[in-house]
């Protein structure tokens, strides 16, 4: 083993930890973004459905 290899190993370990932390952070952000998009889609779909039911009810009331 050559002298000075420990600090190099420590640098590699630190870099590896940063890579893993960044990957986890990206994954969490992606899941969070996907959940937000699903929530927006669900809300929009529910609003459209309620709007459609409202129109049907109004047509039915006119008769």
C-alpha atoms as a PDB file:
ATOM      1  CA  UNK A   1       0.000   0.000   0.000  1.00  0.00           C
ATOM      2  CA  UNK A   2       1.473   3.328  -0.989  1.00  0.00           C
ATOM      3  CA  UNK A   3       1.525   6.317   1.351  1.00  0.00           C
ATOM      4  CA  UNK A   4      -1.239   8.845   0.857  1.00  0.00           C
ATOM      5  CA  UNK A   5      -3.790   6.283  -0.317  1.00  0.00           C
ATOM      6  CA  UNK A   6      -6.034   6.806   2.717  1.00  0.00           C
ATOM      7  CA  UNK A   7      -6.903  10.425   1.896  1.00  0.00           C
ATOM      8  CA  UNK A   8      -7.650   9.307  -1.679  1.00  0.00           C
ATOM      9  CA  UNK A   9      -9.947   6.609  -0.330  1.00  0.00           C
ATOM     10  CA  UNK A  10     -11.653   9.157   1.921  1.00  0.00           C
ATOM     11  CA  UNK A  11     -12.204  11.427  -1.097  1.00  0.00           C
ATOM     12  CA  UNK A  12     -13.742   8.545  -3.027  1.00  0.00           C
ATOM     13  CA  UNK A  13     -15.966   7.667  -0.092  1.00  0.00           C
ATOM     14  CA  UNK A  14     -17.133  11.281   0.231  1.00  0.00           C
ATOM     15  CA  UNK A  15     -17.790  11.478  -3.508  1.00  0.00           C
ATOM     16  CA  UNK A  16     -19.733   8.204  -3.388  1.00  0.00           C
ATOM     17  CA  UNK A  17     -21.879   9.478  -0.517  1.00  0.00           C
ATOM     18  CA  UNK A  18     -22.634  12.672  -2.452  1.00  0.00           C
ATOM     19  CA  UNK A  19     -23.601  10.695  -5.544  1.00  0.00           C
ATOM     20  CA  UNK A  20     -25.955   8.499  -3.508  1.00  0.00           C
ATOM     21  CA  UNK A  21     -27.463  11.512  -1.710  1.00  0.00           C
ATOM     22  CA  UNK A  22     -28.039  13.294  -5.023  1.00  0.00           C
ATOM     23  CA  UNK A  23     -29.643  10.194  -6.526  1.00  0.00           C
ATOM     24  CA  UNK A  24     -31.965   9.825  -3.522  1.00  0.00           C
ATOM     25  CA  UNK A  25     -32.858  13.523  -3.645  1.00  0.00           C
ATOM     26  CA  UNK A  26     -33.675  13.299  -7.361  1.00  0.00           C
ATOM     27  CA  UNK A  27     -35.803  10.201  -6.810  1.00  0.00           C
ATOM     28  CA  UNK A  28     -37.738  11.863  -3.982  1.00  0.00           C
ATOM     29  CA  UNK A  29     -38.293  14.988  -6.092  1.00  0.00           C
ATOM     30  CA  UNK A  30     -39.492  12.881  -9.025  1.00  0.00           C
ATOM     31  CA  UNK A  31     -41.963  10.924  -6.891  1.00  0.00           C
ATOM     32  CA  UNK A  32     -43.184  14.152  -5.325  1.00  0.00           C
ATOM     33  CA  UNK A  33     -43.672  15.731  -8.752  1.00  0.00           C
ATOM     34  CA  UNK A  34     -45.499  12.647 -10.075  1.00  0.00           C
ATOM     35  CA  UNK A  35     -47.807  12.641  -7.052  1.00  0.00           C
ATOM     36  CA  UNK A  36     -48.555  16.329  -7.570  1.00  0.00           C
ATOM     37  CA  UNK A  37     -49.376  15.723 -11.238  1.00  0.00           C
ATOM     38  CA  UNK A  38     -51.662  12.807 -10.321  1.00  0.00           C
ATOM     39  CA  UNK A  39     -53.400  14.979  -7.743  1.00  0.00           C
ATOM     40  CA  UNK A  40     -53.903  17.779 -10.296  1.00  0.00           C
ATOM     41  CA  UNK A  41     -55.244  15.268 -12.849  1.00  0.00           C
ATOM     42  CA  UNK A  42     -57.622  13.764 -10.282  1.00  0.00           C
ATOM     43  CA  UNK A  43     -58.892  17.197  -9.247  1.00  0.00           C
ATOM     44  CA  UNK A  44     -59.376  18.251 -12.879  1.00  0.00           C
ATOM     45  CA  UNK A  45     -61.182  15.005 -13.732  1.00  0.00           C
ATOM     46  CA  UNK A  46     -63.424  15.305 -10.674  1.00  0.00           C
ATOM     47  CA  UNK A  47     -64.234  18.940 -11.526  1.00  0.00           C
ATOM     48  CA  UNK A  48     -65.093  17.994 -15.114  1.00  0.00           C
ATOM     49  CA  UNK A  49     -67.278  15.154 -13.909  1.00  0.00           C
ATOM     50  CA  UNK A  50     -69.116  17.442 -11.477  1.00  0.00           C
ATOM     51  CA  UNK A  51     -69.525  20.055 -14.208  1.00  0.00           C
ATOM     52  CA  UNK A  52     -70.981  17.420 -16.551  1.00  0.00           C
ATOM     53  CA  UNK A  53     -73.372  16.151 -13.889  1.00  0.00           C
ATOM     54  CA  UNK A  54     -74.430  19.746 -13.207  1.00  0.00           C
ATOM     55  CA  UNK A  55     -75.228  20.308 -16.888  1.00  0.00           C
ATOM     56  CA  UNK A  56     -77.237  17.089 -17.051  1.00  0.00           C
ATOM     57  CA  UNK A  57     -79.182  18.057 -13.934  1.00  0.00           C
ATOM     58  CA  UNK A  58     -79.980  21.514 -15.350  1.00  0.00           C
ATOM     59  CA  UNK A  59     -81.185  19.994 -18.652  1.00  0.00           C
ATOM     60  CA  UNK A  60     -83.375  17.595 -16.720  1.00  0.00           C
ATOM     61  CA  UNK A  61     -84.835  20.416 -14.591  1.00  0.00           C
ATOM     62  CA  UNK A  62     -85.851  22.451 -17.683  1.00  0.00           C
ATOM     63  CA  UNK A  63     -88.235  19.722 -18.896  1.00  0.00           C
END
